[in-house]
Structure formats: C-alpha cells, structure tokens
C-alpha cells in the first residue's frame, strides 16, 4: 500500500472541502488529513477515496461520505480514552477516525465477509487496538457496557432502546433515524439521568440498520 504525495495533496483538498461545509473541530480535520482513506477502498479507486461522496464497499454496504463521518464524529464530542461502541464497522474508516482521536473503540459488524476483511485490514494498517466483533448491532455489547459514546453508521427506524440502555451516565449516542426510502435525521441523545436529552440535526442518507448476523 502506497501513500504518495498525490494522495496527501488530495487529502488536503478534502479537508478544505469538509471544513468549508461547517466542520470546525480541528482535531477531526487533522485526522481526516492524516488517514489514507484510499487504503479502505479497493485498489483502483484512489480518486473516489478523496471525493466527498459515499462509495460502495460490497455486501450492500458503503463507506460513508467524508463530510458525514466528520459530522457524526463532531456531534459525538470525542475525548481521549472515551469508550466508544460503533455499530456498523463497514470499511473500518470511521473506527480509525475515532481511534486516531484517542478513543477506545469497540466496533460491531453483522456481515461476516465484511467483518473478516475489515478486521484484517485494520490490523495491517496498525489499528489492531480497535476491537471488532461479529454480531447483531441491535444487541450492542452488554458485556462491555456501559459506554461513554455510541455511534451508529446505519439507520434504525426508531429509537434503539437496547443501545441507549448501554450508555454511561452523561454518555452520548449519535445515530441517523428514519425509513429506508426517506432521508434520515441525525439524532443525538445524552443520558442526562433521570431523563434523556434528545437533539435533532440535519438529514442524511444511510443504509438501513438490519437485525441479525449474515454469515458468508
């Protein structure tokens, strides 16, 4: 795998584009400028890696648009050593962003083929500290709960109650919510016991969140 001067230049351009769209957290911009996003796509798609668009990665999944990754991450308010559960490992790029921000990342993928491929890739790229799991994202990881933060990279139709119950007091969950054929609204819930604080943000398009595990 090669990270050339050209790739670095494309990343700088991408950072400027994402910043112009409203991402203000300099740590997130620095991480986007650091991580070779083309490593997370099949070879031959280098140019697509640095366009601000989503891109298919197989198994009916996509690598999220860079702006979307930055947007969700900014809403999550990541701190050093936060324990973060990610639902939907996908390409592994979002998990790498969280890890580079100093988080302890626990990531669940329901597609076994994608899980095996991405787990190997993350280890190869030096992200072996990201803990990956094959499982049903709706169930979360009760044995490792509670988490400081939870991030969903697929859209449930309604509030993911089981996942919310795995939040630490004061913890935050960020997720898109809505039906498959509609734009989904980004939601942030803070566990401000004894009640939840619910905030609603912009609309995006995500793949739907699906129950169960898909074996290869």
N, C-alpha and C. Protein backbone atom coordinates (compact mmCIF):
# COMPACT_ATOMS: atom_id res chain seq x y z
N UNK A 1 0.84 -1.19 0.00
CA UNK A 1 0.00 0.00 0.00
C UNK A 1 0.88 1.25 0.00
N UNK A 2 0.58 2.16 -0.88
CA UNK A 2 1.39 3.36 -1.03
C UNK A 2 0.57 4.61 -0.75
N UNK A 3 1.16 5.51 0.04
CA UNK A 3 0.53 6.80 0.30
C UNK A 3 1.45 7.87 -0.29
N UNK A 4 1.14 8.29 -1.50
CA UNK A 4 2.02 9.17 -2.27
C UNK A 4 1.77 10.65 -1.96
N UNK A 5 2.63 11.50 -2.51
CA UNK A 5 2.43 12.95 -2.38
C UNK A 5 1.09 13.35 -3.00
N UNK A 6 0.73 12.66 -4.06
CA UNK A 6 -0.56 12.95 -4.70
C UNK A 6 -1.71 12.66 -3.74
N UNK A 7 -1.65 11.51 -3.06
CA UNK A 7 -2.69 11.16 -2.09
C UNK A 7 -2.76 12.22 -0.99
N UNK A 8 -1.60 12.63 -0.50
CA UNK A 8 -1.57 13.64 0.57
C UNK A 8 -2.19 14.95 0.08
N UNK A 9 -1.91 15.31 -1.16
CA UNK A 9 -2.50 16.52 -1.73
C UNK A 9 -4.00 16.42 -1.85
N UNK A 10 -4.49 15.24 -2.25
CA UNK A 10 -5.93 15.03 -2.35
C UNK A 10 -6.60 15.12 -0.99
N UNK A 11 -5.91 14.64 0.05
CA UNK A 11 -6.45 14.72 1.40
C UNK A 11 -6.54 16.17 1.87
N UNK A 12 -5.53 16.96 1.56
CA UNK A 12 -5.56 18.37 1.95
C UNK A 12 -6.76 19.07 1.31
N UNK A 13 -7.00 18.73 0.04
CA UNK A 13 -8.15 19.32 -0.64
C UNK A 13 -9.46 18.87 0.00
N UNK A 14 -9.53 17.60 0.38
CA UNK A 14 -10.72 17.07 1.03
C UNK A 14 -10.95 17.76 2.37
N UNK A 15 -9.90 17.97 3.13
CA UNK A 15 -10.02 18.66 4.42
C UNK A 15 -10.59 20.06 4.22
N UNK A 16 -10.10 20.78 3.22
CA UNK A 16 -10.62 22.12 2.95
C UNK A 16 -12.10 22.07 2.60
N UNK A 17 -12.49 21.06 1.83
CA UNK A 17 -13.88 20.93 1.42
C UNK A 17 -14.79 20.64 2.61
N UNK A 18 -14.35 19.71 3.46
CA UNK A 18 -15.14 19.34 4.65
C UNK A 18 -15.23 20.53 5.61
N UNK A 19 -14.14 21.26 5.77
CA UNK A 19 -14.14 22.43 6.65
C UNK A 19 -15.10 23.50 6.13
N UNK A 20 -15.12 23.69 4.81
CA UNK A 20 -15.99 24.69 4.20
C UNK A 20 -17.46 24.36 4.41
N UNK A 21 -17.77 23.08 4.63
CA UNK A 21 -19.16 22.66 4.85
C UNK A 21 -19.60 22.81 6.31
N UNK A 22 -18.67 23.24 7.17
CA UNK A 22 -19.08 23.54 8.54
C UNK A 22 -18.43 22.72 9.64
N UNK A 23 -17.48 21.84 9.31
CA UNK A 23 -16.79 21.08 10.35
C UNK A 23 -15.72 21.97 10.96
N UNK A 24 -15.84 22.24 12.25
CA UNK A 24 -14.96 23.20 12.91
C UNK A 24 -13.96 22.58 13.88
N UNK A 25 -14.16 21.32 14.25
CA UNK A 25 -13.26 20.65 15.20
C UNK A 25 -11.93 20.38 14.50
N UNK A 26 -10.89 21.10 14.90
CA UNK A 26 -9.59 20.97 14.24
C UNK A 26 -8.99 19.58 14.40
N UNK A 27 -9.30 18.89 15.49
CA UNK A 27 -8.77 17.54 15.68
C UNK A 27 -9.32 16.59 14.62
N UNK A 28 -10.60 16.73 14.32
CA UNK A 28 -11.21 15.87 13.30
C UNK A 28 -10.62 16.18 11.93
N UNK A 29 -10.44 17.45 11.62
CA UNK A 29 -9.86 17.83 10.34
C UNK A 29 -8.43 17.30 10.21
N UNK A 30 -7.68 17.34 11.29
CA UNK A 30 -6.31 16.82 11.27
C UNK A 30 -6.29 15.32 11.01
N UNK A 31 -7.22 14.60 11.63
CA UNK A 31 -7.28 13.14 11.46
C UNK A 31 -7.67 12.79 10.02
N UNK A 32 -8.64 13.51 9.45
CA UNK A 32 -9.03 13.27 8.06
C UNK A 32 -7.84 13.54 7.14
N UNK A 33 -7.03 14.54 7.48
CA UNK A 33 -5.86 14.83 6.69
C UNK A 33 -4.74 13.82 6.87
N UNK A 34 -4.81 13.04 7.92
CA UNK A 34 -3.76 12.06 8.24
C UNK A 34 -4.03 10.67 7.68
N UNK A 35 -5.28 10.22 7.78
CA UNK A 35 -5.59 8.82 7.45
C UNK A 35 -5.68 8.64 5.93
N UNK A 36 -4.93 7.71 5.35
CA UNK A 36 -5.02 7.42 3.91
C UNK A 36 -6.34 6.70 3.60
N UNK A 37 -7.35 7.45 3.25
CA UNK A 37 -8.69 6.88 3.05
C UNK A 37 -8.71 5.88 1.89
N UNK A 38 -7.80 6.01 0.93
CA UNK A 38 -7.80 5.09 -0.21
C UNK A 38 -7.42 3.68 0.22
N UNK A 39 -6.80 3.52 1.39
CA UNK A 39 -6.48 2.19 1.90
C UNK A 39 -7.75 1.40 2.23
N UNK A 40 -8.86 2.11 2.44
CA UNK A 40 -10.10 1.49 2.88
C UNK A 40 -11.03 1.14 1.71
N UNK A 41 -10.58 1.43 0.48
CA UNK A 41 -11.32 1.07 -0.72
C UNK A 41 -10.48 0.12 -1.55
N UNK A 42 -11.11 -0.59 -2.46
CA UNK A 42 -10.36 -1.47 -3.36
C UNK A 42 -9.38 -0.64 -4.18
N UNK A 43 -8.24 -1.24 -4.50
CA UNK A 43 -7.25 -0.55 -5.32
C UNK A 43 -7.87 -0.19 -6.66
N UNK A 44 -7.49 0.96 -7.18
CA UNK A 44 -8.06 1.42 -8.43
C UNK A 44 -9.11 2.50 -8.24
N UNK A 45 -9.48 2.74 -6.98
CA UNK A 45 -10.50 3.77 -6.70
C UNK A 45 -9.90 4.92 -5.90
N UNK A 46 -8.62 5.19 -6.11
CA UNK A 46 -7.94 6.24 -5.36
C UNK A 46 -8.64 7.59 -5.48
N UNK A 47 -9.02 7.95 -6.71
CA UNK A 47 -9.66 9.25 -6.91
C UNK A 47 -10.98 9.34 -6.14
N UNK A 48 -11.74 8.25 -6.14
CA UNK A 48 -13.03 8.25 -5.44
C UNK A 48 -12.83 8.37 -3.93
N UNK A 49 -11.70 7.89 -3.42
CA UNK A 49 -11.45 7.92 -1.98
C UNK A 49 -11.44 9.34 -1.44
N UNK A 50 -11.07 10.30 -2.28
CA UNK A 50 -10.93 11.67 -1.81
C UNK A 50 -11.98 12.61 -2.38
N UNK A 51 -13.02 12.04 -2.93
CA UNK A 51 -14.21 12.82 -3.28
C UNK A 51 -15.15 12.78 -2.08
N UNK A 52 -15.87 13.85 -1.85
CA UNK A 52 -16.77 13.89 -0.70
C UNK A 52 -18.10 13.22 -1.04
N UNK A 53 -18.02 11.91 -1.28
CA UNK A 53 -19.20 11.11 -1.62
C UNK A 53 -19.10 9.76 -0.91
N UNK A 54 -20.25 9.12 -0.73
CA UNK A 54 -20.25 7.74 -0.25
C UNK A 54 -19.86 6.83 -1.41
N UNK A 55 -19.37 5.61 -1.08
CA UNK A 55 -18.91 4.71 -2.14
C UNK A 55 -19.17 3.26 -1.73
N UNK A 56 -19.65 2.42 -2.66
CA UNK A 56 -19.94 1.01 -2.33
C UNK A 56 -18.67 0.25 -1.92
N UNK A 57 -18.80 -0.61 -0.91
CA UNK A 57 -17.67 -1.44 -0.48
C UNK A 57 -18.02 -2.93 -0.49
N UNK A 58 -19.14 -3.27 -1.12
CA UNK A 58 -19.57 -4.66 -1.18
C UNK A 58 -20.53 -5.01 -0.06
N UNK A 59 -21.20 -6.17 -0.20
CA UNK A 59 -22.16 -6.66 0.80
C UNK A 59 -23.28 -5.65 1.05
N UNK A 60 -23.65 -4.89 0.00
CA UNK A 60 -24.73 -3.90 0.10
C UNK A 60 -24.43 -2.80 1.12
N UNK A 61 -23.14 -2.54 1.34
CA UNK A 61 -22.74 -1.51 2.29
C UNK A 61 -21.93 -0.43 1.57
N UNK A 62 -21.76 0.71 2.24
CA UNK A 62 -20.99 1.81 1.67
C UNK A 62 -20.01 2.34 2.70
N UNK A 63 -18.95 2.99 2.20
CA UNK A 63 -18.10 3.79 3.06
C UNK A 63 -18.73 5.18 3.05
N UNK A 64 -18.99 5.73 4.22
CA UNK A 64 -19.74 6.97 4.31
C UNK A 64 -18.98 8.13 3.68
N UNK A 65 -19.73 9.11 3.22
CA UNK A 65 -19.18 10.37 2.72
C UNK A 65 -18.28 10.98 3.80
N UNK A 66 -17.09 11.47 3.47
CA UNK A 66 -16.19 12.05 4.48
C UNK A 66 -16.86 13.13 5.34
N UNK A 67 -17.67 13.98 4.72
CA UNK A 67 -18.36 15.00 5.49
C UNK A 67 -19.28 14.37 6.53
N UNK A 68 -19.96 13.29 6.15
CA UNK A 68 -20.86 12.60 7.08
C UNK A 68 -20.09 12.01 8.25
N UNK A 69 -18.94 11.40 7.96
CA UNK A 69 -18.07 10.87 9.01
C UNK A 69 -17.68 11.98 9.98
N UNK A 70 -17.24 13.10 9.42
CA UNK A 70 -16.82 14.23 10.25
C UNK A 70 -17.99 14.80 11.05
N UNK A 71 -19.16 14.88 10.43
CA UNK A 71 -20.35 15.44 11.07
C UNK A 71 -20.75 14.60 12.28
N UNK A 72 -20.86 13.28 12.08
CA UNK A 72 -21.22 12.41 13.19
C UNK A 72 -20.18 12.45 14.30
N UNK A 73 -18.92 12.45 13.91
CA UNK A 73 -17.84 12.47 14.90
C UNK A 73 -17.86 13.75 15.71
N UNK A 74 -18.14 14.87 15.06
CA UNK A 74 -18.21 16.14 15.76
C UNK A 74 -19.36 16.16 16.76
N UNK A 75 -20.50 15.61 16.37
CA UNK A 75 -21.64 15.53 17.30
C UNK A 75 -21.33 14.65 18.50
N UNK A 76 -20.46 13.68 18.31
CA UNK A 76 -20.15 12.70 19.37
C UNK A 76 -19.29 13.30 20.48
N UNK A 77 -18.59 14.40 20.20
CA UNK A 77 -17.74 15.06 21.21
C UNK A 77 -16.73 14.09 21.81
N UNK A 78 -15.87 13.55 20.97
CA UNK A 78 -14.92 12.51 21.39
C UNK A 78 -13.82 13.10 22.29
N UNK A 79 -13.57 12.41 23.41
CA UNK A 79 -12.48 12.78 24.31
C UNK A 79 -11.47 11.62 24.38
N UNK A 80 -10.26 11.94 24.79
CA UNK A 80 -9.24 10.92 24.98
C UNK A 80 -9.75 9.83 25.93
N UNK A 81 -9.53 8.58 25.53
CA UNK A 81 -9.86 7.39 26.32
C UNK A 81 -11.35 7.14 26.46
N UNK A 82 -12.19 7.86 25.71
CA UNK A 82 -13.61 7.51 25.68
C UNK A 82 -13.76 6.07 25.22
N UNK A 83 -14.66 5.35 25.86
CA UNK A 83 -15.01 4.00 25.41
C UNK A 83 -16.19 4.16 24.45
N UNK A 84 -15.93 3.88 23.16
CA UNK A 84 -16.94 4.12 22.14
C UNK A 84 -17.34 2.81 21.46
N UNK A 85 -18.63 2.55 21.41
CA UNK A 85 -19.15 1.41 20.65
C UNK A 85 -19.65 1.94 19.31
N UNK A 86 -19.14 1.36 18.23
CA UNK A 86 -19.59 1.70 16.89
C UNK A 86 -20.44 0.56 16.35
N UNK A 87 -21.59 0.88 15.81
CA UNK A 87 -22.46 -0.12 15.21
C UNK A 87 -22.34 0.01 13.69
N UNK A 88 -21.71 -0.98 13.06
CA UNK A 88 -21.50 -0.97 11.62
C UNK A 88 -20.06 -0.65 11.28
N UNK A 89 -19.18 -1.64 11.41
CA UNK A 89 -17.75 -1.42 11.14
C UNK A 89 -17.51 -1.01 9.70
N UNK A 90 -18.23 -1.66 8.78
CA UNK A 90 -18.08 -1.33 7.36
C UNK A 90 -16.65 -1.44 6.89
N UNK A 91 -16.13 -0.38 6.27
CA UNK A 91 -14.77 -0.37 5.75
C UNK A 91 -13.73 -0.25 6.86
N UNK A 92 -14.15 0.23 8.03
CA UNK A 92 -13.22 0.45 9.13
C UNK A 92 -12.74 1.90 9.23
N UNK A 93 -13.08 2.73 8.25
CA UNK A 93 -12.58 4.11 8.23
C UNK A 93 -13.09 4.93 9.41
N UNK A 94 -14.39 4.87 9.70
CA UNK A 94 -14.93 5.61 10.84
C UNK A 94 -14.28 5.16 12.14
N UNK A 95 -14.09 3.86 12.31
CA UNK A 95 -13.44 3.35 13.51
C UNK A 95 -12.02 3.89 13.64
N UNK A 96 -11.31 3.98 12.51
CA UNK A 96 -9.95 4.52 12.51
C UNK A 96 -9.94 5.99 12.92
N UNK A 97 -10.94 6.75 12.45
CA UNK A 97 -11.04 8.16 12.83
C UNK A 97 -11.21 8.28 14.35
N UNK A 98 -12.10 7.50 14.92
CA UNK A 98 -12.33 7.53 16.36
C UNK A 98 -11.08 7.13 17.13
N UNK A 99 -10.40 6.11 16.64
CA UNK A 99 -9.18 5.61 17.28
C UNK A 99 -8.08 6.67 17.25
N UNK A 100 -7.93 7.35 16.13
CA UNK A 100 -6.92 8.40 15.99
C UNK A 100 -7.21 9.58 16.92
N UNK A 101 -8.47 9.74 17.30
CA UNK A 101 -8.85 10.80 18.23
C UNK A 101 -8.62 10.40 19.69
N UNK A 102 -8.09 9.20 19.89
CA UNK A 102 -7.74 8.75 21.23
C UNK A 102 -8.77 7.89 21.92
N UNK A 103 -9.82 7.48 21.19
CA UNK A 103 -10.88 6.67 21.80
C UNK A 103 -10.48 5.20 21.85
N UNK A 104 -11.11 4.48 22.77
CA UNK A 104 -11.01 3.02 22.82
C UNK A 104 -12.26 2.50 22.10
N UNK A 105 -12.05 1.89 20.94
CA UNK A 105 -13.15 1.61 20.02
C UNK A 105 -13.54 0.13 20.04
N UNK A 106 -14.85 -0.11 20.17
CA UNK A 106 -15.45 -1.43 20.09
C UNK A 106 -16.44 -1.38 18.93
N UNK A 107 -16.17 -2.13 17.86
CA UNK A 107 -16.97 -1.99 16.65
C UNK A 107 -17.63 -3.31 16.26
N UNK A 108 -18.93 -3.24 15.94
CA UNK A 108 -19.71 -4.43 15.59
C UNK A 108 -20.07 -4.40 14.11
N UNK A 109 -19.89 -5.53 13.44
CA UNK A 109 -20.29 -5.69 12.04
C UNK A 109 -21.14 -6.95 11.92
N UNK A 110 -22.27 -6.87 11.20
CA UNK A 110 -23.17 -8.02 11.07
C UNK A 110 -22.87 -8.87 9.84
N UNK A 111 -22.14 -8.33 8.87
CA UNK A 111 -21.81 -9.07 7.64
C UNK A 111 -20.47 -9.79 7.85
N UNK A 112 -20.50 -11.12 7.91
CA UNK A 112 -19.28 -11.86 8.23
C UNK A 112 -18.16 -11.62 7.22
N UNK A 113 -18.50 -11.59 5.93
CA UNK A 113 -17.47 -11.36 4.91
C UNK A 113 -16.79 -10.02 5.13
N UNK A 114 -17.57 -9.00 5.40
CA UNK A 114 -17.03 -7.66 5.62
C UNK A 114 -16.25 -7.61 6.94
N UNK A 115 -16.76 -8.27 7.94
CA UNK A 115 -16.09 -8.33 9.25
C UNK A 115 -14.69 -8.91 9.12
N UNK A 116 -14.58 -10.05 8.46
CA UNK A 116 -13.27 -10.72 8.32
C UNK A 116 -12.31 -9.84 7.53
N UNK A 117 -12.79 -9.27 6.44
CA UNK A 117 -11.94 -8.45 5.58
C UNK A 117 -11.45 -7.20 6.31
N UNK A 118 -12.37 -6.52 6.99
CA UNK A 118 -12.02 -5.27 7.65
C UNK A 118 -11.16 -5.49 8.88
N UNK A 119 -11.42 -6.55 9.61
CA UNK A 119 -10.59 -6.87 10.77
C UNK A 119 -9.13 -7.04 10.35
N UNK A 120 -8.92 -7.78 9.25
CA UNK A 120 -7.57 -7.98 8.75
C UNK A 120 -6.93 -6.69 8.28
N UNK A 121 -7.72 -5.84 7.62
CA UNK A 121 -7.21 -4.57 7.11
C UNK A 121 -6.78 -3.66 8.26
N UNK A 122 -7.63 -3.55 9.28
CA UNK A 122 -7.30 -2.69 10.42
C UNK A 122 -6.01 -3.13 11.10
N UNK A 123 -5.83 -4.43 11.24
CA UNK A 123 -4.60 -4.94 11.84
C UNK A 123 -3.40 -4.62 10.96
N UNK A 124 -3.56 -4.76 9.67
CA UNK A 124 -2.48 -4.48 8.71
C UNK A 124 -2.08 -3.01 8.74
N UNK A 125 -3.04 -2.12 8.97
CA UNK A 125 -2.78 -0.68 8.96
C UNK A 125 -2.31 -0.15 10.31
N UNK A 126 -2.18 -1.03 11.29
CA UNK A 126 -1.72 -0.60 12.60
C UNK A 126 -2.82 -0.22 13.56
N UNK A 127 -4.05 -0.60 13.22
CA UNK A 127 -5.20 -0.31 14.08
C UNK A 127 -5.68 -1.55 14.82
N UNK A 128 -4.74 -2.39 15.20
CA UNK A 128 -5.10 -3.61 15.91
C UNK A 128 -5.73 -3.35 17.27
N UNK A 129 -5.58 -2.13 17.78
CA UNK A 129 -6.19 -1.79 19.06
C UNK A 129 -7.69 -1.59 18.98
N UNK A 130 -8.23 -1.50 17.76
CA UNK A 130 -9.68 -1.42 17.59
C UNK A 130 -10.26 -2.82 17.77
N UNK A 131 -11.15 -2.98 18.71
CA UNK A 131 -11.74 -4.30 18.98
C UNK A 131 -12.96 -4.48 18.08
N UNK A 132 -12.92 -5.50 17.24
CA UNK A 132 -14.01 -5.75 16.30
C UNK A 132 -14.78 -7.00 16.68
N UNK A 133 -16.08 -6.98 16.41
CA UNK A 133 -16.96 -8.08 16.79
C UNK A 133 -17.92 -8.39 15.65
N UNK A 134 -18.19 -9.66 15.43
CA UNK A 134 -19.23 -10.09 14.51
C UNK A 134 -20.49 -10.28 15.33
N UNK A 135 -21.53 -9.50 15.01
CA UNK A 135 -22.73 -9.62 15.83
C UNK A 135 -23.87 -8.74 15.33
N UNK A 136 -24.98 -8.82 16.04
CA UNK A 136 -26.18 -8.04 15.75
C UNK A 136 -26.07 -6.69 16.44
N UNK A 137 -25.95 -5.63 15.67
CA UNK A 137 -25.77 -4.31 16.25
C UNK A 137 -26.89 -3.87 17.16
N UNK A 138 -28.11 -4.38 16.92
CA UNK A 138 -29.24 -4.00 17.77
C UNK A 138 -29.04 -4.47 19.22
N UNK A 139 -28.22 -5.52 19.38
CA UNK A 139 -27.98 -6.06 20.73
C UNK A 139 -26.84 -5.34 21.44
N UNK A 140 -25.99 -4.66 20.69
CA UNK A 140 -24.87 -3.96 21.31
C UNK A 140 -23.86 -4.93 21.90
N UNK A 141 -23.18 -4.49 22.94
CA UNK A 141 -22.17 -5.32 23.62
C UNK A 141 -22.37 -5.19 25.12
N UNK A 142 -23.41 -5.85 25.61
CA UNK A 142 -23.80 -5.71 27.01
C UNK A 142 -22.64 -6.04 27.96
N UNK A 143 -21.82 -7.03 27.56
CA UNK A 143 -20.75 -7.45 28.47
C UNK A 143 -19.66 -6.40 28.62
N UNK A 144 -19.60 -5.43 27.72
CA UNK A 144 -18.60 -4.37 27.81
C UNK A 144 -19.20 -3.03 28.23
N UNK A 145 -20.51 -2.98 28.37
CA UNK A 145 -21.20 -1.75 28.74
C UNK A 145 -20.94 -1.42 30.22
N UNK A 146 -21.11 -0.15 30.61
CA UNK A 146 -21.61 0.96 29.80
C UNK A 146 -20.51 1.66 29.00
N UNK A 147 -20.92 2.33 27.91
CA UNK A 147 -20.00 3.06 27.05
C UNK A 147 -20.18 4.57 27.24
N UNK A 148 -19.08 5.29 27.03
CA UNK A 148 -19.16 6.75 27.10
C UNK A 148 -19.90 7.31 25.89
N UNK A 149 -19.68 6.68 24.74
CA UNK A 149 -20.28 7.15 23.49
C UNK A 149 -20.69 5.93 22.66
N UNK A 150 -21.72 6.10 21.84
CA UNK A 150 -22.15 5.08 20.89
C UNK A 150 -22.44 5.77 19.57
N UNK A 151 -21.99 5.17 18.47
CA UNK A 151 -22.19 5.74 17.14
C UNK A 151 -22.77 4.69 16.22
N UNK A 152 -23.86 5.03 15.53
CA UNK A 152 -24.47 4.13 14.56
C UNK A 152 -24.18 4.64 13.15
N UNK A 153 -23.69 3.76 12.29
CA UNK A 153 -23.41 4.14 10.91
C UNK A 153 -24.43 3.54 9.94
N UNK A 154 -25.55 3.09 10.48
CA UNK A 154 -26.71 2.64 9.70
C UNK A 154 -27.94 3.16 10.43
N UNK A 155 -29.06 3.24 9.71
CA UNK A 155 -30.23 3.93 10.25
C UNK A 155 -31.32 2.98 10.74
N UNK A 156 -31.60 2.99 12.06
CA UNK A 156 -32.77 2.27 12.57
C UNK A 156 -34.03 3.08 12.28
N UNK A 157 -35.18 2.40 12.28
CA UNK A 157 -36.45 3.08 12.03
C UNK A 157 -36.95 3.83 13.25
N UNK A 158 -36.50 3.41 14.43
CA UNK A 158 -36.97 4.03 15.67
C UNK A 158 -35.83 4.06 16.69
N UNK A 159 -36.10 4.61 17.84
CA UNK A 159 -35.08 4.75 18.88
C UNK A 159 -34.50 3.38 19.26
N UNK A 160 -33.19 3.21 19.24
CA UNK A 160 -32.56 1.93 19.61
C UNK A 160 -32.45 1.78 21.12
N UNK A 161 -33.54 1.41 21.75
CA UNK A 161 -33.63 1.40 23.22
C UNK A 161 -32.55 0.55 23.89
N UNK A 162 -32.27 -0.63 23.32
CA UNK A 162 -31.26 -1.52 23.92
C UNK A 162 -29.90 -0.85 23.95
N UNK A 163 -29.56 -0.15 22.88
CA UNK A 163 -28.27 0.53 22.82
C UNK A 163 -28.22 1.71 23.78
N UNK A 164 -29.31 2.45 23.85
CA UNK A 164 -29.36 3.59 24.77
C UNK A 164 -29.15 3.12 26.21
N UNK A 165 -29.65 1.94 26.53
CA UNK A 165 -29.50 1.40 27.89
C UNK A 165 -28.05 1.03 28.20
N UNK A 166 -27.20 0.97 27.18
CA UNK A 166 -25.79 0.62 27.38
C UNK A 166 -24.90 1.87 27.47
N UNK A 167 -25.53 3.04 27.61
CA UNK A 167 -24.80 4.30 27.77
C UNK A 167 -24.46 4.56 29.23
N UNK A 168 -23.27 5.09 29.44
CA UNK A 168 -22.86 5.59 30.75
C UNK A 168 -23.69 6.82 31.10
N UNK A 169 -23.82 7.13 32.37
CA UNK A 169 -24.46 8.37 32.78
C UNK A 169 -23.68 9.54 32.18
N UNK A 170 -24.39 10.42 31.48
CA UNK A 170 -23.72 11.52 30.79
C UNK A 170 -23.22 11.14 29.41
N UNK A 171 -23.41 9.89 29.02
CA UNK A 171 -22.94 9.40 27.73
C UNK A 171 -23.79 9.90 26.57
N UNK A 172 -23.24 9.77 25.37
CA UNK A 172 -23.89 10.29 24.16
C UNK A 172 -24.00 9.19 23.11
N UNK A 173 -25.16 9.12 22.46
CA UNK A 173 -25.34 8.24 21.30
C UNK A 173 -25.77 9.11 20.12
N UNK A 174 -25.13 8.88 18.98
CA UNK A 174 -25.44 9.61 17.75
C UNK A 174 -25.85 8.60 16.68
N UNK A 175 -26.98 8.86 16.02
CA UNK A 175 -27.45 7.92 15.00
C UNK A 175 -28.42 8.60 14.04
N UNK A 176 -28.47 8.12 12.79
CA UNK A 176 -29.50 8.59 11.86
C UNK A 176 -30.75 7.75 12.07
N UNK A 177 -31.91 8.34 11.97
CA UNK A 177 -33.14 7.58 12.19
C UNK A 177 -34.16 7.92 11.10
N UNK A 178 -34.78 6.86 10.57
CA UNK A 178 -35.80 7.06 9.56
C UNK A 178 -35.98 5.84 8.69
N UNK A 179 -36.97 5.90 7.81
CA UNK A 179 -37.28 4.78 6.94
C UNK A 179 -36.29 4.70 5.77
N UNK A 180 -36.21 3.54 5.18
CA UNK A 180 -35.24 3.27 4.11
C UNK A 180 -35.32 4.23 2.94
N UNK A 181 -36.52 4.54 2.50
CA UNK A 181 -36.68 5.35 1.28
C UNK A 181 -36.70 6.86 1.55
N UNK A 182 -36.55 7.24 2.81
CA UNK A 182 -36.55 8.66 3.16
C UNK A 182 -35.15 9.09 3.60
N UNK A 183 -34.92 10.39 3.60
CA UNK A 183 -33.71 10.90 4.23
C UNK A 183 -33.86 10.72 5.74
N UNK A 184 -32.78 10.32 6.40
CA UNK A 184 -32.86 10.06 7.83
C UNK A 184 -32.30 11.25 8.61
N UNK A 185 -32.93 11.57 9.71
CA UNK A 185 -32.49 12.70 10.52
C UNK A 185 -31.45 12.26 11.54
N UNK A 186 -30.39 13.06 11.68
CA UNK A 186 -29.36 12.75 12.66
C UNK A 186 -29.86 13.13 14.04
N UNK A 187 -29.72 12.18 14.96
CA UNK A 187 -30.20 12.35 16.33
C UNK A 187 -29.02 12.24 17.30
N UNK A 188 -29.03 13.08 18.31
CA UNK A 188 -28.06 12.93 19.41
C UNK A 188 -28.83 12.85 20.73
N UNK A 189 -28.58 11.78 21.46
CA UNK A 189 -29.22 11.60 22.77
C UNK A 189 -28.13 11.58 23.84
N UNK A 190 -28.34 12.39 24.87
CA UNK A 190 -27.41 12.42 26.01
C UNK A 190 -28.13 11.83 27.21
N UNK A 191 -27.47 10.91 27.88
CA UNK A 191 -28.06 10.23 29.02
C UNK A 191 -27.96 11.11 30.26
N UNK A 192 -28.80 12.13 30.31
CA UNK A 192 -28.82 13.05 31.45
C UNK A 192 -29.82 12.53 32.48
N UNK A 193 -29.39 11.53 33.21
CA UNK A 193 -30.28 10.89 34.18
C UNK A 193 -30.90 11.92 35.11
N UNK A 194 -32.20 11.74 35.48
CA UNK A 194 -33.05 10.56 35.24
C UNK A 194 -33.77 10.57 33.90
N UNK A 195 -33.48 11.54 33.03
CA UNK A 195 -34.16 11.57 31.73
C UNK A 195 -33.12 11.66 30.62
N UNK A 196 -33.59 11.54 29.38
CA UNK A 196 -32.73 11.65 28.22
C UNK A 196 -32.91 13.03 27.58
N UNK A 197 -31.82 13.60 27.09
CA UNK A 197 -31.89 14.84 26.33
C UNK A 197 -31.75 14.50 24.86
N UNK A 198 -32.78 14.82 24.07
CA UNK A 198 -32.82 14.45 22.66
C UNK A 198 -32.67 15.70 21.79
N UNK A 199 -31.69 15.64 20.87
CA UNK A 199 -31.46 16.75 19.94
C UNK A 199 -31.56 16.23 18.50
N UNK A 200 -32.12 17.05 17.61
CA UNK A 200 -32.28 16.65 16.22
C UNK A 200 -31.51 17.61 15.31
N UNK A 201 -30.86 17.01 14.29
CA UNK A 201 -29.99 17.79 13.43
C UNK A 201 -30.36 17.61 11.95
N UNK A 202 -29.38 17.63 11.07
CA UNK A 202 -29.63 17.61 9.63
C UNK A 202 -30.04 16.23 9.13
N UNK A 203 -30.45 16.19 7.86
CA UNK A 203 -30.88 14.95 7.22
C UNK A 203 -29.77 14.39 6.33
N UNK A 204 -29.65 13.06 6.34
CA UNK A 204 -28.65 12.35 5.55
C UNK A 204 -29.30 11.10 4.95
N UNK A 205 -28.51 10.37 4.16
CA UNK A 205 -28.98 9.08 3.63
C UNK A 205 -28.00 7.98 4.04
N UNK A 206 -28.52 7.00 4.78
CA UNK A 206 -27.73 5.87 5.25
C UNK A 206 -28.39 4.57 4.81
N UNK A 207 -27.61 3.50 4.80
CA UNK A 207 -28.20 2.19 4.60
C UNK A 207 -29.02 1.87 5.85
N UNK A 208 -30.12 1.10 5.72
CA UNK A 208 -30.93 0.77 6.88
C UNK A 208 -30.21 -0.16 7.84
N UNK A 209 -30.47 -0.03 9.11
CA UNK A 209 -29.92 -0.93 10.12
C UNK A 209 -30.75 -2.21 10.11
N UNK A 210 -30.08 -3.34 10.01
CA UNK A 210 -30.75 -4.63 9.86
C UNK A 210 -30.40 -5.55 11.03
N UNK A 211 -31.37 -6.31 11.49
CA UNK A 211 -31.16 -7.22 12.61
C UNK A 211 -30.48 -8.51 12.16
N UNK A 212 -29.85 -9.17 13.12
CA UNK A 212 -29.25 -10.48 12.85
C UNK A 212 -27.85 -10.40 12.29
N UNK A 213 -27.26 -11.59 12.07
CA UNK A 213 -25.90 -11.72 11.53
C UNK A 213 -26.00 -12.43 10.19
N UNK A 214 -25.31 -11.91 9.20
CA UNK A 214 -25.30 -12.52 7.86
C UNK A 214 -24.00 -13.29 7.68
N UNK A 215 -24.10 -14.62 7.70
CA UNK A 215 -22.94 -15.49 7.56
C UNK A 215 -22.53 -15.57 6.08
N UNK A 216 -21.26 -15.77 5.86
CA UNK A 216 -20.80 -15.88 4.47
C UNK A 216 -20.94 -17.31 3.96
